[in-house]
C-alpha cells in the first residue's frame, strides 16, 4: 500500500520552497509574464540557497531528489508561476536522458558543470514538422571520421538558444532510427532562431534552435545509434509526472484565489461563497485538485519503486492538466469581470494552464499511451 504521508525532510523542503515562492516568485510573476522574459534573478537566488538541480546526483553536488519530493517542490514553484517553474523542469528534462543512457564517463564530463553555477540544459526533440510524431523528424547527423555533423532545426524548445547543453535527437544518415547526442551550447553552428511570443507560460524561454554543420565527437553519442527514440520515451515516462505536479500547483493557486475572493465579494447581501452555485463550484474544484495530486504521487511513487509504467505518467499528466484548465476557467468565472482583468492573477493562471495540455505530449497522445498499455 502506497502512503502519501510526507516525511519530515519533505515537509522542511516544502516549507522552504513555499517561502521562496511567496517571497521571490509571486511578487514578480506578473512582471515576467508581461515582459515575456527569463527570470534570471530568481534562478540565481534559487541556486544560492541550494534550490536547483533537482535530479542531479549528489556525487556531482546535486540534490538527487526522489520523484515524490520533486513533485512536491514543483507544485510549490508552479503555484507561484508556471513559467518560472519551467526553468527547473526544463533542466530536469534535459539531464534525464544522460542519467538514463549516459556512460559514467559522459556523466562525469557533462554533469558537474551544473553544480558550479546555475546553467540551463535543453531537450531538443520537437521540430516544425515533427511534434507528437517524433519519428517524422528531419534533423540529420552524418558520421564523418570520429565525429557526427548535425544539421536541422528544432522548435518550441525550452531554453532554446540560451542553454549550456543540449540533448539533441537526430537521424543518422542512412538510418530511419533516431539517435541522441550531447551538444555544448557554445559549439560552433548552434544558434537561436525565433523566440516564441506565447499566450501564457511567458516567463519560460521557448525558441527555435538551429544546428548548422555542428560537429559532435562520437563519444557524445548517447547509447548506441538508433537508441534515441527509446531514450526520449523513457525520459518522458519519468518527466510527465512533473508536468502533472506543475498542473496541480496552478490549479491549487486558482482554487485558493477563488476561495478568498468568494469570502469577501458580496452579492445579493452576502458573500458569493455562501451562494450554492459558487459553493458547489469550489467543492468540485477542490475535489479535482486533491484527486490530481494523488495521481501525481502515485506516478512518482511508482517511478521511485522502479516500476516505471508509461501509463501512470501519462495518466497524471492527462488528468492534472485537464483539471488545471477546468479549475482556472472556473476561477475566472467566480471572479466575474474582475477575473478577466490583469489586476487579478486568475487570468494569467488560465493562460498558463493551456500549455499543460500540449507540451510533453498532447492530451490525445497521453490517451494513446494509456490505451496502448491497457491493450498490450
Foldseek 3Di string as FASTA:
>chain_A
DDDPDDDPVLVVLLVVLLVLLVPPQQVCVLVLFVVLAAPVVSLQVCLVVLNAQQCQDCVLPHNNHFLLSLLSNLLSNLLRPLLNSVQRLQQLLQCQLCVVFNDPVVCVVPPNVCSVGPFGEKEFQADPVDDQNSLPDAWEWEDDPQKTWTFDKGFQIFCQFNGQKYFHWHAYPPDSAIWTFIDGSPFPQWHWDDFDDALASSNTTTTMIGGDRGIGGNSGTGHDRRCVVVSSLVSLLSSLLSLLSSLLSLLVSLLVLLVVQQQPDDDPHHRNCPPPVSVVLSVVSVVLSVVLSVLSSVSSVCVSVVNRQSLSSLVSLLSSLVSQLVSLVVSLVSVPPVSCDPVDCSVNSNSHSVCSCPPSHHNVRSVVSNVVSVVD
